[in-house]
Protein backbone atom coordinates (compact mmCIF):
# COMPACT_ATOMS: atom_id res chain seq x y z
CA UNK A 1 85.75 35.51 -35.21
CA UNK A 2 84.34 38.34 -33.14
CA UNK A 3 83.07 35.95 -30.50
CA UNK A 4 86.39 34.11 -30.36
CA UNK A 5 88.31 37.38 -30.02
CA UNK A 6 86.02 38.58 -27.19
CA UNK A 7 86.34 35.26 -25.43
CA UNK A 8 90.12 35.41 -25.63
CA UNK A 9 90.10 38.98 -24.39
CA UNK A 10 87.85 38.04 -21.47
CA UNK A 11 90.00 35.06 -20.54
CA UNK A 12 93.12 37.18 -20.86
CA UNK A 13 91.58 39.86 -18.59
CA UNK A 14 90.65 37.30 -15.97
CA UNK A 15 94.13 35.79 -16.13
CA UNK A 16 95.70 39.21 -15.67
CA UNK A 17 93.43 39.86 -12.69
CA UNK A 18 94.35 36.55 -11.12
CA UNK A 19 98.05 37.34 -11.49
CA UNK A 20 97.55 40.68 -9.76
CA UNK A 21 95.66 39.14 -6.85
CA UNK A 22 97.82 36.01 -6.57
CA UNK A 23 96.06 34.94 -3.35
CA UNK A 24 98.00 31.65 -3.25
CA UNK A 25 101.34 33.54 -3.02
CA UNK A 26 102.00 34.54 0.66
CA UNK A 27 102.97 38.18 1.17
CA UNK A 28 106.63 38.78 1.97
CA UNK A 29 107.81 38.87 5.59
CA UNK A 30 108.64 42.52 6.00
CA UNK A 31 111.81 43.77 7.66
CA UNK A 32 111.02 45.27 11.12
CA UNK A 33 111.36 49.04 11.08
CA UNK A 34 111.07 52.09 13.30
CA UNK A 35 113.29 50.81 16.11
CA UNK A 36 113.64 53.43 18.86
CA UNK A 37 115.39 53.19 22.25
CA UNK A 38 113.11 53.44 25.27
CA UNK A 39 113.61 54.00 29.01
CA UNK A 40 116.64 52.43 30.70
CA UNK A 41 117.81 51.80 34.27
CA UNK A 42 121.18 50.70 35.62
CA UNK A 43 120.19 47.07 35.00
CA UNK A 44 117.64 47.19 32.16
CA UNK A 45 117.00 48.58 28.70
CA UNK A 46 113.93 48.72 26.47
CA UNK A 47 113.15 49.57 22.87
CA UNK A 48 110.14 49.59 20.57
CA UNK A 49 109.35 49.25 16.87
CA UNK A 50 106.54 49.90 14.38
CA UNK A 51 104.03 47.19 13.44
CA UNK A 52 104.16 46.06 9.77
CA UNK A 53 101.67 47.43 7.24
CA UNK A 54 100.84 43.92 6.06
CA UNK A 55 100.08 40.69 7.90
CA UNK A 56 101.58 40.36 11.37
CA UNK A 57 104.46 37.91 11.81
CA UNK A 58 104.14 34.89 14.08
CA UNK A 59 106.98 36.21 16.23
CA UNK A 60 109.99 38.51 16.38
CA UNK A 61 113.49 37.26 17.14
CA UNK A 62 115.64 39.57 19.30
CA UNK A 63 119.33 39.45 18.37
CA UNK A 64 122.39 40.80 20.19
CA UNK A 65 125.91 40.40 18.77
CA UNK A 66 124.45 38.25 16.01
CA UNK A 67 122.89 35.76 18.43
CA UNK A 68 119.20 35.22 19.19
CA UNK A 69 118.66 36.02 22.86
CA UNK A 70 114.85 36.06 23.01
CA UNK A 71 111.64 36.05 20.99
CA UNK A 72 108.32 37.85 21.42
CA UNK A 73 104.88 37.41 19.89
CA UNK A 74 104.15 38.95 16.51
CA UNK A 75 101.64 41.28 18.16
CA UNK A 76 104.39 42.86 20.32
CA UNK A 77 105.91 46.23 19.49
CA UNK A 78 108.36 46.57 22.41
CA UNK A 79 110.92 44.59 24.36
CA UNK A 80 112.61 44.96 27.76
CA UNK A 81 115.73 43.16 28.95
CA UNK A 82 116.73 43.02 32.63
CA UNK A 83 119.71 41.76 34.62
CA UNK A 84 122.22 43.87 32.68
CA UNK A 85 125.50 45.48 33.72
CA UNK A 86 125.40 49.16 34.78
CA UNK A 87 127.05 51.74 32.50
CA UNK A 88 127.27 49.27 29.60
CA UNK A 89 126.36 49.73 25.93
CA UNK A 90 124.13 47.26 24.07
CA UNK A 91 123.11 46.81 20.42
CA UNK A 92 120.04 44.92 19.19
CA UNK A 93 118.37 43.93 15.91
CA UNK A 94 115.04 42.30 15.06
CA UNK A 95 113.97 39.64 12.60
CA UNK A 96 110.30 38.85 11.86
CA UNK A 97 109.21 35.23 11.33
CA UNK A 98 105.98 34.04 9.67
CA UNK A 99 105.21 30.48 8.60
CA UNK A 100 108.85 29.54 9.10
CA UNK A 101 110.12 32.29 6.81
CA UNK A 102 112.37 35.03 8.14
CA UNK A 103 112.59 38.67 7.21
CA UNK A 104 115.83 40.58 6.60
CA UNK A 105 117.41 41.95 9.77
CA UNK A 106 116.25 45.32 11.04
CA UNK A 107 118.53 48.29 11.50
CA UNK A 108 120.56 48.36 14.72
CA UNK A 109 119.20 50.10 17.82
CA UNK A 110 121.93 51.04 20.33
CA UNK A 111 121.44 52.09 23.94
CA UNK A 112 123.20 52.13 27.31
CA UNK A 113 122.26 51.23 30.85
CA UNK A 114 122.46 54.11 33.31
CA UNK A 115 125.60 54.96 35.29
CA UNK A 116 124.90 54.95 39.04
CA UNK A 117 126.57 57.50 41.33
CA UNK A 118 129.81 56.61 43.10
CA UNK A 119 127.88 56.55 46.39
CA UNK A 120 126.09 53.38 45.24
CA UNK A 121 129.28 51.42 44.51
CA UNK A 122 129.88 48.21 46.44
CA UNK A 123 133.11 47.82 48.40
CA UNK A 124 133.76 44.09 48.36
CA UNK A 125 136.20 41.41 47.33
CA UNK A 126 140.00 41.37 47.46
CA UNK A 127 142.04 44.58 47.49
CA UNK A 128 145.66 45.70 47.43
CA UNK A 129 146.02 48.82 49.59
CA UNK A 130 149.11 51.02 49.75
CA UNK A 131 149.82 52.46 53.20
CA UNK A 132 152.03 55.59 53.41
CA UNK A 133 152.75 57.25 56.75
CA UNK A 134 152.57 61.03 56.69
CA UNK A 135 152.95 61.66 60.44
CA UNK A 136 154.76 59.61 63.07
CA UNK A 137 155.18 60.56 66.74
CA UNK A 138 156.92 57.99 68.99
CA UNK A 139 155.45 55.19 66.89
CA UNK A 140 157.25 51.86 67.21
CA UNK A 141 157.62 49.33 64.44
CA UNK A 142 157.40 49.73 60.66
CA UNK A 143 153.98 48.80 59.39
CA UNK A 144 153.83 50.87 56.23
CA UNK A 145 153.87 49.25 52.79
CA UNK A 146 151.26 47.02 51.16
CA UNK A 147 148.17 45.76 52.90
CA UNK A 148 145.89 43.01 51.64
CA UNK A 149 142.20 43.51 52.32
CA UNK A 150 139.25 41.20 51.97
CA UNK A 151 135.93 43.06 52.20
CA UNK A 152 132.97 40.92 53.29
CA UNK A 153 130.20 40.10 52.98
CA UNK A 154 129.06 40.59 49.40
CA UNK A 155 126.14 43.00 49.52
CA UNK A 156 122.78 41.43 48.75
CA UNK A 157 121.67 44.53 46.82
CA UNK A 158 123.40 47.84 46.28
CA UNK A 159 126.11 49.07 48.66
CA UNK A 160 126.24 48.15 52.35
CA UNK A 161 128.36 48.19 55.52
CA UNK A 162 131.32 45.82 55.35
CA UNK A 163 134.04 44.23 57.43
CA UNK A 164 137.61 44.20 56.17
CA UNK A 165 140.05 41.43 56.98
CA UNK A 166 143.47 43.14 56.87
CA UNK A 167 146.77 41.30 56.46
CA UNK A 168 149.99 43.25 56.97
CA UNK A 169 153.38 41.60 57.47
CA UNK A 170 152.84 39.08 60.27
CA UNK A 171 149.73 40.82 61.60
CA UNK A 172 146.08 40.42 60.71
CA UNK A 173 142.92 41.93 62.10
CA UNK A 174 139.31 42.67 61.17
CA UNK A 175 137.66 46.10 61.19
CA UNK A 176 133.98 46.94 60.72
CA UNK A 177 133.27 49.84 58.38
CA UNK A 178 130.01 51.78 58.44
CA UNK A 179 128.95 53.19 55.07
CA UNK A 180 127.60 56.71 54.51
CA UNK A 181 127.31 57.22 50.76
CA UNK A 182 130.74 56.79 49.19
CA UNK A 183 132.50 57.10 52.58
CA UNK A 184 133.25 54.23 54.98
CA UNK A 185 134.32 54.79 58.59
CA UNK A 186 135.36 52.45 61.37
CA UNK A 187 137.91 51.66 64.06
CA UNK A 188 139.48 48.63 65.69
CA UNK A 189 141.87 47.97 68.61
CA UNK A 190 144.90 45.80 67.74
CA UNK A 191 148.10 44.62 69.40
CA UNK A 192 150.95 44.99 66.94
CA UNK A 193 153.95 45.01 69.32
CA UNK A 194 154.20 44.61 73.12
CA UNK A 195 155.71 47.23 75.37
CA UNK A 196 159.00 45.93 76.75
CA UNK A 197 160.76 42.63 76.19
CA UNK A 198 160.61 39.14 77.54
CA UNK A 199 158.98 38.58 80.91
CA UNK A 200 158.65 42.33 81.46
CA UNK A 201 156.63 42.96 78.29
CA UNK A 202 153.03 44.09 78.53
CA UNK A 203 150.31 44.60 75.88
CA UNK A 204 150.40 47.94 74.09
CA UNK A 205 147.11 48.13 72.19
CA UNK A 206 146.69 50.62 69.37
CA UNK A 207 143.42 52.08 68.09
CA UNK A 208 143.23 52.27 64.30
CA UNK A 209 140.65 54.67 62.86
CA UNK A 210 139.75 54.42 59.16
CA UNK A 211 138.13 56.90 56.83
CA UNK A 212 137.84 55.56 53.29
CA UNK A 213 136.19 57.00 50.20
CA UNK A 214 135.36 55.10 47.02
CA UNK A 215 136.88 57.15 44.18
CA UNK A 216 135.89 55.15 41.11
CA UNK A 217 133.48 52.37 40.12
CA UNK A 218 132.55 50.21 37.15
CA UNK A 219 129.89 47.71 36.17
CA UNK A 220 130.64 44.14 37.21
CA UNK A 221 128.03 41.58 36.23
CA UNK A 222 124.77 43.08 37.55
CA UNK A 223 126.22 45.37 40.20
CA UNK A 224 128.11 48.66 40.45
CA UNK A 225 131.48 47.83 41.99
CA UNK A 226 134.16 50.04 43.54
CA UNK A 227 137.39 50.00 41.51
CA UNK A 228 139.55 52.39 43.56
CA UNK A 229 139.59 53.91 47.02
CA UNK A 230 141.51 56.51 48.96
CA UNK A 231 141.51 57.54 52.59
CA UNK A 232 143.39 57.73 55.87
CA UNK A 233 144.26 55.53 58.80
CA UNK A 234 145.11 57.07 62.18
CA UNK A 235 146.92 54.96 64.79
CA UNK A 236 146.88 55.95 68.46
CA UNK A 237 148.54 54.17 71.38
CA UNK A 238 148.22 55.24 75.02
CA UNK A 239 150.97 55.42 77.66
CA UNK A 240 151.47 52.01 79.29
CA UNK A 241 153.73 50.88 82.16
CA UNK A 242 154.33 47.81 84.30
CA UNK A 243 156.57 49.43 86.90
CA UNK A 244 159.78 48.07 85.38
CA UNK A 245 159.35 49.70 82.00
CA UNK A 246 156.98 51.96 80.18
CA UNK A 247 156.06 53.00 76.63
CA UNK A 248 155.00 56.54 75.77
CA UNK A 249 151.83 57.48 73.97
CA UNK A 250 152.22 57.40 70.18
CA UNK A 251 150.37 58.69 67.17
CA UNK A 252 150.70 58.02 63.47
CA UNK A 253 148.70 58.96 60.42
CA UNK A 254 148.85 57.32 57.02
CA UNK A 255 147.22 57.74 53.65
CA UNK A 256 145.58 54.79 51.94
CA UNK A 257 145.09 54.09 48.24
CA UNK A 258 143.76 50.84 46.88
CA UNK A 259 142.52 48.86 43.92
CA UNK A 260 140.92 45.41 43.53
CA UNK A 261 143.44 42.58 43.31
């Protein structure tokens, strides 16, 4: 009896030890933890996390808005995403995967891309610009109202000089604008109305001088785009004459305010 009891006790002890070890049962896939936001730029974010205390996963799945957007090796402890919209907020979660099994989702890590200064905003695309005259001296013709602008070309990177194709009533012209920070300046000579009528009419060119400032911007795809502008347009015409008739010098100044169409 004593031997049988000892044998049973020994077998029971070994069984208990085997249950504790359970080497044939894979350890659980632990939930990723310790997510912390890292450095960001206007077009990128990064974050990191803590490695698990147990076996490493085969990979980590990166999720945004509930969708898997990328995966990294199980040895990784950080992630960077590029090609993002400036001044935008993003939220991410992780899920570890080992041998086809997935962990619970991690806590959310939230971060934002940086907001560039107004001076870096691109002036491009279609615009509706309101023209309001504030000073008129001997100016002929009514050209105030709404102007339609098309700013080209699209900048390859960041902000750049542009040309604006302007349509106003029955007139259209193109002006080149040189950029200095958030301010654009340029001038163009146009012929709105002739001096005189019929066979006695002669050209009466006017010089238009623009000074435009970008006043607001927002992220659009991967770039920082102007969303409003304000400025002035000065119109100057010189004295012209053909002997039979003449037109006096004229000056006008208008304010400009615009938004993308």
